[in-house]
């Protein structure tokens, strides 16, 4: 299954699942929840961190965290 780390710039996807223990609580508070739409806005050099738009909220997450969040492309 694909993860957020697999997205290309501009691609959109729906968050499907993740392990709550492996994802920081701050991401959950900012809308990183199953069923929400995520778009890759930009990648920093060396592809870490990733700059995302999740339901209108812009945030940057580490690639390591992005690899733990499973998605489905839209």
PDB file of N, CA and C in Angstrom:
ATOM      1  N   UNK A   1       0.839  -1.184   0.000  1.00  0.00           N
ATOM      2  CA  UNK A   1       0.000   0.000   0.000  1.00  0.00           C
ATOM      3  C   UNK A   1       0.883   1.245   0.000  1.00  0.00           C
ATOM      4  N   UNK A   2       0.430   2.294  -0.665  1.00  0.00           N
ATOM      5  CA  UNK A   2       1.175   3.548  -0.763  1.00  0.00           C
ATOM      6  C   UNK A   2       1.153   4.308   0.556  1.00  0.00           C
ATOM      7  N   UNK A   3       2.163   5.155   0.749  1.00  0.00           N
ATOM      8  CA  UNK A   3       2.222   6.028   1.919  1.00  0.00           C
ATOM      9  C   UNK A   3       2.374   7.469   1.446  1.00  0.00           C
ATOM     10  N   UNK A   4       2.263   8.413   2.363  1.00  0.00           N
ATOM     11  CA  UNK A   4       2.441   9.824   2.021  1.00  0.00           C
ATOM     12  C   UNK A   4       3.812  10.051   1.397  1.00  0.00           C
ATOM     13  N   UNK A   5       4.810   9.301   1.834  1.00  0.00           N
ATOM     14  CA  UNK A   5       6.170   9.456   1.306  1.00  0.00           C
ATOM     15  C   UNK A   5       6.249   9.104  -0.183  1.00  0.00           C
ATOM     16  N   UNK A   6       5.274   8.378  -0.718  1.00  0.00           N
ATOM     17  CA  UNK A   6       5.264   7.990  -2.131  1.00  0.00           C
ATOM     18  C   UNK A   6       4.641   9.044  -3.040  1.00  0.00           C
ATOM     19  N   UNK A   7       4.013  10.073  -2.486  1.00  0.00           N
ATOM     20  CA  UNK A   7       3.361  11.091  -3.298  1.00  0.00           C
ATOM     21  C   UNK A   7       4.370  11.897  -4.106  1.00  0.00           C
ATOM     22  N   UNK A   8       3.941  12.329  -5.276  1.00  0.00           N
ATOM     23  CA  UNK A   8       4.709  13.247  -6.115  1.00  0.00           C
ATOM     24  C   UNK A   8       4.127  14.645  -5.914  1.00  0.00           C
ATOM     25  N   UNK A   9       4.908  15.668  -6.192  1.00  0.00           N
ATOM     26  CA  UNK A   9       4.466  17.045  -6.003  1.00  0.00           C
ATOM     27  C   UNK A   9       3.138  17.288  -6.726  1.00  0.00           C
ATOM     28  N   UNK A  10       2.158  17.806  -5.990  1.00  0.00           N
ATOM     29  CA  UNK A  10       0.848  18.104  -6.542  1.00  0.00           C
ATOM     30  C   UNK A  10      -0.155  16.965  -6.469  1.00  0.00           C
ATOM     31  N   UNK A  11       0.285  15.763  -6.162  1.00  0.00           N
ATOM     32  CA  UNK A  11      -0.622  14.610  -6.089  1.00  0.00           C
ATOM     33  C   UNK A  11      -1.497  14.690  -4.849  1.00  0.00           C
ATOM     34  N   UNK A  12      -2.732  14.213  -5.012  1.00  0.00           N
ATOM     35  CA  UNK A  12      -3.692  14.179  -3.905  1.00  0.00           C
ATOM     36  C   UNK A  12      -4.016  12.743  -3.555  1.00  0.00           C
ATOM     37  N   UNK A  13      -4.333  12.544  -2.284  1.00  0.00           N
ATOM     38  CA  UNK A  13      -4.695  11.210  -1.819  1.00  0.00           C
ATOM     39  C   UNK A  13      -5.593  11.333  -0.588  1.00  0.00           C
ATOM     40  N   UNK A  14      -6.194  10.231  -0.234  1.00  0.00           N
ATOM     41  CA  UNK A  14      -7.010  10.140   0.981  1.00  0.00           C
ATOM     42  C   UNK A  14      -6.235   9.295   1.990  1.00  0.00           C
ATOM     43  N   UNK A  15      -6.151   9.779   3.217  1.00  0.00           N
ATOM     44  CA  UNK A  15      -5.486   9.020   4.280  1.00  0.00           C
ATOM     45  C   UNK A  15      -6.359   7.821   4.615  1.00  0.00           C
ATOM     46  N   UNK A  16      -5.771   6.636   4.599  1.00  0.00           N
ATOM     47  CA  UNK A  16      -6.519   5.410   4.869  1.00  0.00           C
ATOM     48  C   UNK A  16      -6.300   4.888   6.286  1.00  0.00           C
ATOM     49  N   UNK A  17      -5.035   4.769   6.704  1.00  0.00           N
ATOM     50  CA  UNK A  17      -4.780   4.207   8.035  1.00  0.00           C
ATOM     51  C   UNK A  17      -3.366   4.516   8.485  1.00  0.00           C
ATOM     52  N   UNK A  18      -3.140   4.359   9.784  1.00  0.00           N
ATOM     53  CA  UNK A  18      -1.821   4.486  10.386  1.00  0.00           C
ATOM     54  C   UNK A  18      -1.920   3.978  11.812  1.00  0.00           C
ATOM     55  N   UNK A  19      -0.783   3.733  12.412  1.00  0.00           N
ATOM     56  CA  UNK A  19      -0.739   3.300  13.797  1.00  0.00           C
ATOM     57  C   UNK A  19      -0.646   4.537  14.684  1.00  0.00           C
ATOM     58  N   UNK A  20      -1.607   4.734  15.557  1.00  0.00           N
ATOM     59  CA  UNK A  20      -1.650   5.911  16.415  1.00  0.00           C
ATOM     60  C   UNK A  20      -0.388   6.024  17.265  1.00  0.00           C
ATOM     61  N   UNK A  21       0.199   4.912  17.642  1.00  0.00           N
ATOM     62  CA  UNK A  21       1.402   4.923  18.476  1.00  0.00           C
ATOM     63  C   UNK A  21       2.614   5.463  17.715  1.00  0.00           C
ATOM     64  N   UNK A  22       2.613   5.361  16.389  1.00  0.00           N
ATOM     65  CA  UNK A  22       3.765   5.751  15.584  1.00  0.00           C
ATOM     66  C   UNK A  22       3.657   7.148  14.977  1.00  0.00           C
ATOM     67  N   UNK A  23       2.502   7.785  15.108  1.00  0.00           N
ATOM     68  CA  UNK A  23       2.298   9.113  14.535  1.00  0.00           C
ATOM     69  C   UNK A  23       2.130  10.112  15.680  1.00  0.00           C
ATOM     70  N   UNK A  24       2.886  11.219  15.660  1.00  0.00           N
ATOM     71  CA  UNK A  24       2.787  12.211  16.741  1.00  0.00           C
ATOM     72  C   UNK A  24       1.367  12.754  16.916  1.00  0.00           C
ATOM     73  N   UNK A  25       0.961  12.967  18.161  1.00  0.00           N
ATOM     74  CA  UNK A  25      -0.378  13.466  18.485  1.00  0.00           C
ATOM     75  C   UNK A  25      -0.645  14.817  17.808  1.00  0.00           C
ATOM     76  N   UNK A  26       0.386  15.629  17.640  1.00  0.00           N
ATOM     77  CA  UNK A  26       0.218  16.942  17.003  1.00  0.00           C
ATOM     78  C   UNK A  26      -0.351  16.803  15.589  1.00  0.00           C
ATOM     79  N   UNK A  27       0.061  15.768  14.850  1.00  0.00           N
ATOM     80  CA  UNK A  27      -0.473  15.555  13.499  1.00  0.00           C
ATOM     81  C   UNK A  27      -1.961  15.223  13.547  1.00  0.00           C
ATOM     82  N   UNK A  28      -2.356  14.443  14.520  1.00  0.00           N
ATOM     83  CA  UNK A  28      -3.772  14.100  14.658  1.00  0.00           C
ATOM     84  C   UNK A  28      -4.584  15.360  14.955  1.00  0.00           C
ATOM     85  N   UNK A  29      -4.051  16.224  15.818  1.00  0.00           N
ATOM     86  CA  UNK A  29      -4.740  17.465  16.157  1.00  0.00           C
ATOM     87  C   UNK A  29      -4.865  18.397  14.961  1.00  0.00           C
ATOM     88  N   UNK A  30      -3.933  18.302  14.027  1.00  0.00           N
ATOM     89  CA  UNK A  30      -3.955  19.179  12.856  1.00  0.00           C
ATOM     90  C   UNK A  30      -4.732  18.580  11.682  1.00  0.00           C
ATOM     91  N   UNK A  31      -5.417  17.468  11.883  1.00  0.00           N
ATOM     92  CA  UNK A  31      -6.286  16.920  10.850  1.00  0.00           C
ATOM     93  C   UNK A  31      -5.757  15.729  10.089  1.00  0.00           C
ATOM     94  N   UNK A  32      -4.651  15.178  10.495  1.00  0.00           N
ATOM     95  CA  UNK A  32      -4.094  14.001   9.822  1.00  0.00           C
ATOM     96  C   UNK A  32      -4.848  12.764  10.322  1.00  0.00           C
ATOM     97  N   UNK A  33      -6.043  12.596   9.791  1.00  0.00           N
ATOM     98  CA  UNK A  33      -6.927  11.519  10.224  1.00  0.00           C
ATOM     99  C   UNK A  33      -7.434  10.740   9.019  1.00  0.00           C
ATOM    100  N   UNK A  34      -7.772   9.460   9.203  1.00  0.00           N
ATOM    101  CA  UNK A  34      -8.315   8.673   8.091  1.00  0.00           C
ATOM    102  C   UNK A  34      -9.537   9.359   7.484  1.00  0.00           C
ATOM    103  N   UNK A  35      -9.579   9.372   6.150  1.00  0.00           N
ATOM    104  CA  UNK A  35     -10.677   9.991   5.413  1.00  0.00           C
ATOM    105  C   UNK A  35     -10.377  11.404   4.949  1.00  0.00           C
ATOM    106  N   UNK A  36      -9.360  12.038   5.512  1.00  0.00           N
ATOM    107  CA  UNK A  36      -9.002  13.397   5.103  1.00  0.00           C
ATOM    108  C   UNK A  36      -8.100  13.376   3.880  1.00  0.00           C
ATOM    109  N   UNK A  37      -8.201  14.448   3.086  1.00  0.00           N
ATOM    110  CA  UNK A  37      -7.401  14.569   1.871  1.00  0.00           C
ATOM    111  C   UNK A  37      -6.038  15.179   2.183  1.00  0.00           C
ATOM    112  N   UNK A  38      -5.003  14.653   1.545  1.00  0.00           N
ATOM    113  CA  UNK A  38      -3.644  15.162   1.706  1.00  0.00           C
ATOM    114  C   UNK A  38      -3.061  15.433   0.319  1.00  0.00           C
ATOM    115  N   UNK A  39      -2.339  16.554   0.189  1.00  0.00           N
ATOM    116  CA  UNK A  39      -1.672  16.931  -1.052  1.00  0.00           C
ATOM    117  C   UNK A  39      -0.222  17.251  -0.745  1.00  0.00           C
ATOM    118  N   UNK A  40       0.690  16.706  -1.552  1.00  0.00           N
ATOM    119  CA  UNK A  40       2.096  17.046  -1.392  1.00  0.00           C
ATOM    120  C   UNK A  40       2.341  18.375  -2.087  1.00  0.00           C
ATOM    121  N   UNK A  41       2.705  19.402  -1.311  1.00  0.00           N
ATOM    122  CA  UNK A  41       2.936  20.738  -1.841  1.00  0.00           C
ATOM    123  C   UNK A  41       4.375  20.868  -2.325  1.00  0.00           C
ATOM    124  N   UNK A  42       5.317  20.380  -1.519  1.00  0.00           N
ATOM    125  CA  UNK A  42       6.732  20.547  -1.850  1.00  0.00           C
ATOM    126  C   UNK A  42       7.576  19.596  -1.018  1.00  0.00           C
ATOM    127  N   UNK A  43       8.763  19.270  -1.533  1.00  0.00           N
ATOM    128  CA  UNK A  43       9.740  18.475  -0.795  1.00  0.00           C
ATOM    129  C   UNK A  43      10.996  19.306  -0.606  1.00  0.00           C
ATOM    130  N   UNK A  44      11.582  19.225   0.566  1.00  0.00           N
ATOM    131  CA  UNK A  44      12.851  19.907   0.815  1.00  0.00           C
ATOM    132  C   UNK A  44      13.966  19.144   0.099  1.00  0.00           C
ATOM    133  N   UNK A  45      15.146  19.738  -0.008  1.00  0.00           N
ATOM    134  CA  UNK A  45      16.274  19.009  -0.604  1.00  0.00           C
ATOM    135  C   UNK A  45      16.489  17.682   0.122  1.00  0.00           C
ATOM    136  N   UNK A  46      16.877  16.685  -0.593  1.00  0.00           N
ATOM    137  CA  UNK A  46      17.062  15.318  -0.089  1.00  0.00           C
ATOM    138  C   UNK A  46      15.741  14.691   0.345  1.00  0.00           C
ATOM    139  N   UNK A  47      14.610  15.294  -0.088  1.00  0.00           N
ATOM    140  CA  UNK A  47      13.255  14.769   0.124  1.00  0.00           C
ATOM    141  C   UNK A  47      12.867  14.630   1.593  1.00  0.00           C
ATOM    142  N   UNK A  48      13.402  15.471   2.454  1.00  0.00           N
ATOM    143  CA  UNK A  48      13.039  15.433   3.876  1.00  0.00           C
ATOM    144  C   UNK A  48      13.249  16.813   4.460  1.00  0.00           C
ATOM    145  N   UNK A  49      12.252  17.461   5.015  1.00  0.00           N
ATOM    146  CA  UNK A  49      10.880  17.014   5.256  1.00  0.00           C
ATOM    147  C   UNK A  49       9.976  17.228   4.040  1.00  0.00           C
ATOM    148  N   UNK A  50       8.730  16.784   4.182  1.00  0.00           N
ATOM    149  CA  UNK A  50       7.703  16.943   3.161  1.00  0.00           C
ATOM    150  C   UNK A  50       6.740  18.035   3.623  1.00  0.00           C
ATOM    151  N   UNK A  51       6.373  18.919   2.717  1.00  0.00           N
ATOM    152  CA  UNK A  51       5.440  19.999   3.024  1.00  0.00           C
ATOM    153  C   UNK A  51       4.081  19.597   2.465  1.00  0.00           C
ATOM    154  N   UNK A  52       3.077  19.469   3.349  1.00  0.00           N
ATOM    155  CA  UNK A  52       1.774  18.931   2.978  1.00  0.00           C
ATOM    156  C   UNK A  52       0.649  19.923   3.215  1.00  0.00           C
ATOM    157  N   UNK A  53      -0.445  19.693   2.505  1.00  0.00           N
ATOM    158  CA  UNK A  53      -1.709  20.374   2.771  1.00  0.00           C
ATOM    159  C   UNK A  53      -2.690  19.274   3.146  1.00  0.00           C
ATOM    160  N   UNK A  54      -3.155  19.303   4.380  1.00  0.00           N
ATOM    161  CA  UNK A  54      -4.134  18.321   4.842  1.00  0.00           C
ATOM    162  C   UNK A  54      -5.397  19.079   5.218  1.00  0.00           C
ATOM    163  N   UNK A  55      -6.429  18.946   4.386  1.00  0.00           N
ATOM    164  CA  UNK A  55      -7.706  19.644   4.582  1.00  0.00           C
ATOM    165  C   UNK A  55      -7.518  21.133   4.840  1.00  0.00           C
ATOM    166  N   UNK A  56      -6.660  21.788   4.070  1.00  0.00           N
ATOM    167  CA  UNK A  56      -6.453  23.219   4.190  1.00  0.00           C
ATOM    168  C   UNK A  56      -5.420  23.636   5.220  1.00  0.00           C
ATOM    169  N   UNK A  57      -4.887  22.705   5.961  1.00  0.00           N
ATOM    170  CA  UNK A  57      -3.868  22.995   6.966  1.00  0.00           C
ATOM    171  C   UNK A  57      -2.498  22.633   6.392  1.00  0.00           C
ATOM    172  N   UNK A  58      -1.571  23.584   6.377  1.00  0.00           N
ATOM    173  CA  UNK A  58      -0.237  23.346   5.839  1.00  0.00           C
ATOM    174  C   UNK A  58       0.701  22.924   6.956  1.00  0.00           C
ATOM    175  N   UNK A  59       1.435  21.839   6.735  1.00  0.00           N
ATOM    176  CA  UNK A  59       2.396  21.380   7.722  1.00  0.00           C
ATOM    177  C   UNK A  59       3.524  20.618   7.060  1.00  0.00           C
ATOM    178  N   UNK A  60       4.631  20.552   7.760  1.00  0.00           N
ATOM    179  CA  UNK A  60       5.798  19.814   7.284  1.00  0.00           C
ATOM    180  C   UNK A  60       6.002  18.622   8.207  1.00  0.00           C
ATOM    181  N   UNK A  61       6.245  17.465   7.611  1.00  0.00           N
ATOM    182  CA  UNK A  61       6.515  16.270   8.415  1.00  0.00           C
ATOM    183  C   UNK A  61       7.760  15.578   7.880  1.00  0.00           C
ATOM    184  N   UNK A  62       8.389  14.849   8.748  1.00  0.00           N
ATOM    185  CA  UNK A  62       9.581  14.099   8.366  1.00  0.00           C
ATOM    186  C   UNK A  62       9.192  12.920   7.481  1.00  0.00           C
ATOM    187  N   UNK A  63      10.073  12.539   6.594  1.00  0.00           N
ATOM    188  CA  UNK A  63       9.833  11.398   5.708  1.00  0.00           C
ATOM    189  C   UNK A  63       9.556  10.134   6.530  1.00  0.00           C
ATOM    190  N   UNK A  64      10.283   9.968   7.610  1.00  0.00           N
ATOM    191  CA  UNK A  64      10.111   8.796   8.480  1.00  0.00           C
ATOM    192  C   UNK A  64       8.665   8.673   8.962  1.00  0.00           C
ATOM    193  N   UNK A  65       8.052   9.787   9.324  1.00  0.00           N
ATOM    194  CA  UNK A  65       6.650   9.786   9.758  1.00  0.00           C
ATOM    195  C   UNK A  65       5.728   9.553   8.568  1.00  0.00           C
ATOM    196  N   UNK A  66       6.022  10.187   7.429  1.00  0.00           N
ATOM    197  CA  UNK A  66       5.193  10.039   6.226  1.00  0.00           C
ATOM    198  C   UNK A  66       5.122   8.588   5.756  1.00  0.00           C
ATOM    199  N   UNK A  67       6.185   7.835   5.982  1.00  0.00           N
ATOM    200  CA  UNK A  67       6.215   6.423   5.567  1.00  0.00           C
ATOM    201  C   UNK A  67       5.299   5.549   6.412  1.00  0.00           C
ATOM    202  N   UNK A  68       4.778   6.075   7.490  1.00  0.00           N
ATOM    203  CA  UNK A  68       3.901   5.299   8.391  1.00  0.00           C
ATOM    204  C   UNK A  68       2.419   5.561   8.140  1.00  0.00           C
ATOM    205  N   UNK A  69       2.115   6.507   7.256  1.00  0.00           N
ATOM    206  CA  UNK A  69       0.708   6.889   7.008  1.00  0.00           C
ATOM    207  C   UNK A  69       0.296   6.372   5.636  1.00  0.00           C
ATOM    208  N   UNK A  70      -0.606   5.420   5.619  1.00  0.00           N
ATOM    209  CA  UNK A  70      -1.051   4.769   4.383  1.00  0.00           C
ATOM    210  C   UNK A  70      -2.133   5.613   3.712  1.00  0.00           C
ATOM    211  N   UNK A  71      -2.086   5.650   2.372  1.00  0.00           N
ATOM    212  CA  UNK A  71      -2.997   6.479   1.589  1.00  0.00           C
ATOM    213  C   UNK A  71      -3.583   5.709   0.411  1.00  0.00           C
ATOM    214  N   UNK A  72      -4.603   6.330  -0.200  1.00  0.00           N
ATOM    215  CA  UNK A  72      -5.159   5.847  -1.466  1.00  0.00           C
ATOM    216  C   UNK A  72      -5.230   7.050  -2.380  1.00  0.00           C
ATOM    217  N   UNK A  73      -4.648   6.948  -3.567  1.00  0.00           N
ATOM    218  CA  UNK A  73      -4.644   8.057  -4.522  1.00  0.00           C
ATOM    219  C   UNK A  73      -6.070   8.367  -4.988  1.00  0.00           C
ATOM    220  N   UNK A  74      -6.304   9.657  -5.273  1.00  0.00           N
ATOM    221  CA  UNK A  74      -7.642  10.056  -5.760  1.00  0.00           C
ATOM    222  C   UNK A  74      -7.562  10.390  -7.235  1.00  0.00           C
TER     223      UNK A  74
END
